[in-house]
Amino acid sequence: MLTVTPLHFLILAFVLFGIGFLGLLIRRNILLMLMSLELMLNGINVALVTFSRVGNNLDGGIFVFFIMTVAASEVAVGLALLVALYKKRKSVFTDDMALLKN
């Protein structure tokens, strides 16, 4: 039977972070960029919990808690900007973000 090792979790964390990073670079839709950023943060969370579990300490779990609170506030601010952009320009693409100055 196959056992799951910490290497499997680190590979999962790397894949999640990589998909999020590529999504952040490629996409122009702000909502999809926020979702990609959340994928990157979740990849970091998986890696931190893995290192915490391997090292038998709670430091990684504490960092994950703080990352989750920062991610929640990031989503709130990002969605507020998204709503403001949509109300002003009827678009959610990054090309229209510069138009909010007027």
N, C-alpha and C. Protein backbone atom coordinates (compact mmCIF):
# COMPACT_ATOMS: atom_id res chain seq x y z
N MET A 1 0.84 -1.18 0.00
CA MET A 1 0.00 0.00 0.00
C MET A 1 0.88 1.25 0.00
N LEU A 2 0.45 2.26 -0.71
CA LEU A 2 1.20 3.49 -0.85
C LEU A 2 0.96 4.40 0.37
N THR A 3 2.04 4.88 0.95
CA THR A 3 1.91 5.81 2.07
C THR A 3 2.16 7.23 1.56
N VAL A 4 1.47 8.16 2.17
CA VAL A 4 1.61 9.56 1.80
C VAL A 4 2.72 10.17 2.66
N THR A 5 3.73 10.69 2.01
CA THR A 5 4.87 11.28 2.71
C THR A 5 4.79 12.80 2.63
N PRO A 6 5.60 13.48 3.41
CA PRO A 6 5.61 14.94 3.32
C PRO A 6 6.01 15.44 1.93
N LEU A 7 6.76 14.65 1.18
CA LEU A 7 7.13 15.06 -0.17
C LEU A 7 5.89 15.20 -1.05
N HIS A 8 4.90 14.33 -0.87
CA HIS A 8 3.66 14.44 -1.63
C HIS A 8 2.95 15.76 -1.34
N PHE A 9 2.93 16.16 -0.08
CA PHE A 9 2.29 17.42 0.28
C PHE A 9 3.06 18.61 -0.27
N LEU A 10 4.39 18.52 -0.28
CA LEU A 10 5.19 19.61 -0.84
C LEU A 10 5.01 19.72 -2.35
N ILE A 11 4.86 18.60 -3.01
CA ILE A 11 4.58 18.63 -4.45
C ILE A 11 3.22 19.27 -4.70
N LEU A 12 2.23 18.91 -3.88
CA LEU A 12 0.91 19.54 -4.00
C LEU A 12 1.00 21.04 -3.76
N ALA A 13 1.76 21.45 -2.77
CA ALA A 13 1.92 22.87 -2.48
C ALA A 13 2.58 23.59 -3.66
N PHE A 14 3.60 22.97 -4.25
CA PHE A 14 4.28 23.57 -5.40
C PHE A 14 3.34 23.68 -6.60
N VAL A 15 2.55 22.65 -6.83
CA VAL A 15 1.60 22.67 -7.96
C VAL A 15 0.55 23.76 -7.74
N LEU A 16 0.00 23.86 -6.54
CA LEU A 16 -0.98 24.90 -6.25
C LEU A 16 -0.39 26.30 -6.44
N PHE A 17 0.81 26.49 -5.92
CA PHE A 17 1.46 27.79 -6.06
C PHE A 17 1.76 28.09 -7.53
N GLY A 18 2.21 27.10 -8.27
CA GLY A 18 2.52 27.29 -9.68
C GLY A 18 1.30 27.63 -10.52
N ILE A 19 0.20 26.93 -10.28
CA ILE A 19 -1.03 27.22 -11.01
C ILE A 19 -1.51 28.64 -10.68
N GLY A 20 -1.44 29.00 -9.41
CA GLY A 20 -1.84 30.35 -9.01
C GLY A 20 -0.95 31.41 -9.62
N PHE A 21 0.36 31.16 -9.67
CA PHE A 21 1.29 32.13 -10.23
C PHE A 21 1.05 32.31 -11.73
N LEU A 22 0.85 31.21 -12.44
CA LEU A 22 0.57 31.30 -13.87
C LEU A 22 -0.76 32.01 -14.11
N GLY A 23 -1.75 31.72 -13.30
CA GLY A 23 -3.04 32.40 -13.43
C GLY A 23 -2.93 33.88 -13.18
N LEU A 24 -2.07 34.27 -12.25
CA LEU A 24 -1.87 35.69 -11.94
C LEU A 24 -1.17 36.39 -13.10
N LEU A 25 -0.24 35.70 -13.74
CA LEU A 25 0.48 36.31 -14.87
C LEU A 25 -0.35 36.37 -16.15
N ILE A 26 -1.14 35.35 -16.40
CA ILE A 26 -1.83 35.22 -17.68
C ILE A 26 -3.16 35.97 -17.71
N ARG A 27 -3.92 35.91 -16.65
CA ARG A 27 -5.28 36.45 -16.66
C ARG A 27 -5.30 37.96 -16.59
N ARG A 28 -6.32 38.56 -17.20
CA ARG A 28 -6.54 40.00 -17.13
C ARG A 28 -7.79 40.32 -16.33
N ASN A 29 -8.61 39.34 -16.06
CA ASN A 29 -9.82 39.54 -15.27
C ASN A 29 -9.43 39.62 -13.79
N ILE A 30 -9.88 40.66 -13.13
CA ILE A 30 -9.46 40.88 -11.74
C ILE A 30 -9.98 39.78 -10.82
N LEU A 31 -11.19 39.31 -11.05
CA LEU A 31 -11.75 38.25 -10.21
C LEU A 31 -10.92 36.97 -10.33
N LEU A 32 -10.51 36.63 -11.54
CA LEU A 32 -9.67 35.45 -11.72
C LEU A 32 -8.28 35.66 -11.13
N MET A 33 -7.80 36.88 -11.16
CA MET A 33 -6.51 37.17 -10.53
C MET A 33 -6.59 37.00 -9.02
N LEU A 34 -7.70 37.42 -8.41
CA LEU A 34 -7.88 37.21 -6.97
C LEU A 34 -7.97 35.73 -6.63
N MET A 35 -8.63 34.96 -7.49
CA MET A 35 -8.72 33.52 -7.26
C MET A 35 -7.34 32.87 -7.39
N SER A 36 -6.53 33.34 -8.33
CA SER A 36 -5.17 32.82 -8.48
C SER A 36 -4.32 33.15 -7.27
N LEU A 37 -4.50 34.35 -6.74
CA LEU A 37 -3.76 34.74 -5.54
C LEU A 37 -4.15 33.86 -4.36
N GLU A 38 -5.42 33.52 -4.26
CA GLU A 38 -5.86 32.60 -3.20
C GLU A 38 -5.24 31.21 -3.37
N LEU A 39 -5.11 30.75 -4.61
CA LEU A 39 -4.44 29.47 -4.84
C LEU A 39 -2.99 29.51 -4.38
N MET A 40 -2.32 30.62 -4.65
CA MET A 40 -0.94 30.75 -4.21
C MET A 40 -0.85 30.72 -2.68
N LEU A 41 -1.75 31.43 -2.01
CA LEU A 41 -1.74 31.43 -0.55
C LEU A 41 -2.06 30.05 0.02
N ASN A 42 -2.95 29.32 -0.64
CA ASN A 42 -3.26 27.96 -0.16
C ASN A 42 -2.08 27.02 -0.37
N GLY A 43 -1.32 27.21 -1.44
CA GLY A 43 -0.11 26.41 -1.63
C GLY A 43 0.90 26.67 -0.53
N ILE A 44 1.05 27.94 -0.17
CA ILE A 44 1.95 28.28 0.94
C ILE A 44 1.45 27.68 2.24
N ASN A 45 0.15 27.71 2.46
CA ASN A 45 -0.42 27.13 3.68
C ASN A 45 -0.13 25.63 3.78
N VAL A 46 -0.29 24.92 2.66
CA VAL A 46 -0.03 23.47 2.66
C VAL A 46 1.44 23.22 3.00
N ALA A 47 2.34 24.01 2.42
CA ALA A 47 3.77 23.82 2.70
C ALA A 47 4.09 24.12 4.16
N LEU A 48 3.51 25.18 4.70
CA LEU A 48 3.77 25.52 6.11
C LEU A 48 3.26 24.46 7.06
N VAL A 49 2.08 23.94 6.79
CA VAL A 49 1.54 22.88 7.65
C VAL A 49 2.39 21.62 7.54
N THR A 50 2.88 21.33 6.34
CA THR A 50 3.75 20.16 6.16
C THR A 50 5.04 20.31 6.95
N PHE A 51 5.68 21.47 6.84
CA PHE A 51 6.92 21.69 7.60
C PHE A 51 6.65 21.68 9.10
N SER A 52 5.51 22.19 9.50
CA SER A 52 5.16 22.18 10.92
C SER A 52 4.96 20.76 11.42
N ARG A 53 4.32 19.95 10.60
CA ARG A 53 4.06 18.56 10.99
C ARG A 53 5.35 17.75 11.07
N VAL A 54 6.24 17.96 10.11
CA VAL A 54 7.51 17.24 10.09
C VAL A 54 8.38 17.66 11.27
N GLY A 55 8.38 18.94 11.60
CA GLY A 55 9.21 19.45 12.68
C GLY A 55 8.61 19.31 14.06
N ASN A 56 7.39 18.80 14.17
CA ASN A 56 6.69 18.61 15.44
C ASN A 56 6.59 19.91 16.26
N ASN A 57 6.24 21.00 15.58
CA ASN A 57 5.97 22.24 16.29
C ASN A 57 4.74 22.90 15.70
N LEU A 58 4.26 23.94 16.36
CA LEU A 58 3.04 24.60 15.93
C LEU A 58 3.30 25.91 15.19
N ASP A 59 4.53 26.22 14.89
CA ASP A 59 4.85 27.49 14.24
C ASP A 59 4.17 27.63 12.88
N GLY A 60 4.18 26.57 12.09
CA GLY A 60 3.55 26.61 10.78
C GLY A 60 2.06 26.84 10.87
N GLY A 61 1.41 26.22 11.84
CA GLY A 61 -0.03 26.42 12.03
C GLY A 61 -0.37 27.84 12.42
N ILE A 62 0.49 28.46 13.21
CA ILE A 62 0.26 29.86 13.60
C ILE A 62 0.41 30.77 12.39
N PHE A 63 1.43 30.52 11.56
CA PHE A 63 1.59 31.30 10.34
C PHE A 63 0.40 31.12 9.40
N VAL A 64 -0.11 29.89 9.32
CA VAL A 64 -1.27 29.63 8.47
C VAL A 64 -2.47 30.44 8.95
N PHE A 65 -2.66 30.53 10.25
CA PHE A 65 -3.75 31.33 10.79
C PHE A 65 -3.63 32.80 10.35
N PHE A 66 -2.43 33.35 10.45
CA PHE A 66 -2.23 34.74 10.05
C PHE A 66 -2.39 34.92 8.54
N ILE A 67 -1.93 33.96 7.76
CA ILE A 67 -2.10 34.04 6.31
C ILE A 67 -3.58 34.00 5.94
N MET A 68 -4.35 33.19 6.63
CA MET A 68 -5.79 33.11 6.35
C MET A 68 -6.49 34.42 6.69
N THR A 69 -6.08 35.09 7.76
CA THR A 69 -6.70 36.38 8.09
C THR A 69 -6.30 37.44 7.06
N VAL A 70 -5.06 37.43 6.62
CA VAL A 70 -4.64 38.38 5.59
C VAL A 70 -5.37 38.10 4.28
N ALA A 71 -5.55 36.83 3.95
CA ALA A 71 -6.26 36.47 2.72
C ALA A 71 -7.72 36.92 2.77
N ALA A 72 -8.34 36.81 3.93
CA ALA A 72 -9.73 37.25 4.06
C ALA A 72 -9.84 38.76 3.87
N SER A 73 -8.91 39.50 4.44
CA SER A 73 -8.96 40.96 4.26
C SER A 73 -8.60 41.34 2.83
N GLU A 74 -7.71 40.60 2.20
CA GLU A 74 -7.35 40.85 0.80
C GLU A 74 -8.56 40.64 -0.10
N VAL A 75 -9.34 39.63 0.16
CA VAL A 75 -10.54 39.37 -0.63
C VAL A 75 -11.55 40.50 -0.44
N ALA A 76 -11.71 40.96 0.78
CA ALA A 76 -12.68 42.03 1.03
C ALA A 76 -12.28 43.31 0.30
N VAL A 77 -11.01 43.70 0.38
CA VAL A 77 -10.55 44.91 -0.30
C VAL A 77 -10.58 44.72 -1.81
N GLY A 78 -10.15 43.56 -2.27
CA GLY A 78 -10.15 43.29 -3.71
C GLY A 78 -11.54 43.30 -4.30
N LEU A 79 -12.49 42.71 -3.61
CA LEU A 79 -13.86 42.72 -4.12
C LEU A 79 -14.47 44.11 -4.07
N ALA A 80 -14.10 44.92 -3.08
CA ALA A 80 -14.58 46.31 -3.04
C ALA A 80 -14.04 47.09 -4.24
N LEU A 81 -12.77 46.90 -4.57
CA LEU A 81 -12.21 47.55 -5.76
C LEU A 81 -12.88 47.04 -7.03
N LEU A 82 -13.17 45.77 -7.07
CA LEU A 82 -13.82 45.18 -8.23
C LEU A 82 -15.22 45.77 -8.43
N VAL A 83 -15.97 45.92 -7.35
CA VAL A 83 -17.31 46.51 -7.44
C VAL A 83 -17.22 47.97 -7.88
N ALA A 84 -16.24 48.71 -7.34
CA ALA A 84 -16.08 50.12 -7.74
C ALA A 84 -15.72 50.22 -9.22
N LEU A 85 -14.84 49.34 -9.68
CA LEU A 85 -14.47 49.35 -11.09
C LEU A 85 -15.66 49.01 -11.98
N TYR A 86 -16.44 48.03 -11.58
CA TYR A 86 -17.58 47.62 -12.39
C TYR A 86 -18.65 48.71 -12.43
N LYS A 87 -18.88 49.38 -11.31
CA LYS A 87 -19.87 50.46 -11.30
C LYS A 87 -19.45 51.61 -12.20
N LYS A 88 -18.15 51.90 -12.23
CA LYS A 88 -17.67 53.05 -12.99
C LYS A 88 -17.54 52.74 -14.49
N ARG A 89 -16.99 51.57 -14.83
CA ARG A 89 -16.66 51.27 -16.23
C ARG A 89 -17.40 50.07 -16.81
N LYS A 90 -18.21 49.38 -16.04
CA LYS A 90 -18.92 48.18 -16.50
C LYS A 90 -17.97 47.12 -17.06
N SER A 91 -16.80 47.00 -16.43
CA SER A 91 -15.80 46.03 -16.86
C SER A 91 -15.00 45.59 -15.64
N VAL A 92 -14.45 44.36 -15.70
CA VAL A 92 -13.63 43.86 -14.60
C VAL A 92 -12.24 43.46 -15.08
N PHE A 93 -11.75 44.11 -16.12
CA PHE A 93 -10.44 43.81 -16.66
C PHE A 93 -9.41 44.79 -16.14
N THR A 94 -8.16 44.35 -16.04
CA THR A 94 -7.11 45.19 -15.48
C THR A 94 -6.78 46.39 -16.35
N ASP A 95 -7.09 46.32 -17.62
CA ASP A 95 -6.83 47.46 -18.50
C ASP A 95 -7.65 48.68 -18.09
N ASP A 96 -8.79 48.46 -17.47
CA ASP A 96 -9.66 49.54 -17.06
C ASP A 96 -9.35 50.09 -15.68
N MET A 97 -8.38 49.50 -14.98
CA MET A 97 -8.04 49.99 -13.64
C MET A 97 -7.45 51.38 -13.67
N ALA A 98 -6.68 51.72 -14.71
CA ALA A 98 -6.09 53.05 -14.80
C ALA A 98 -7.15 54.11 -15.01
N LEU A 99 -8.32 53.72 -15.45
CA LEU A 99 -9.38 54.68 -15.71
C LEU A 99 -10.08 55.13 -14.44
N LEU A 100 -9.78 54.52 -13.29
CA LEU A 100 -10.41 54.92 -12.04
C LEU A 100 -9.86 56.23 -11.50
N LYS A 101 -8.76 56.71 -12.07
CA LYS A 101 -8.18 57.97 -11.59
C LYS A 101 -9.09 59.16 -11.85
N ASN A 102 -9.84 59.12 -12.93
CA ASN A 102 -10.72 60.24 -13.30
C ASN A 102 -11.96 60.30 -12.46
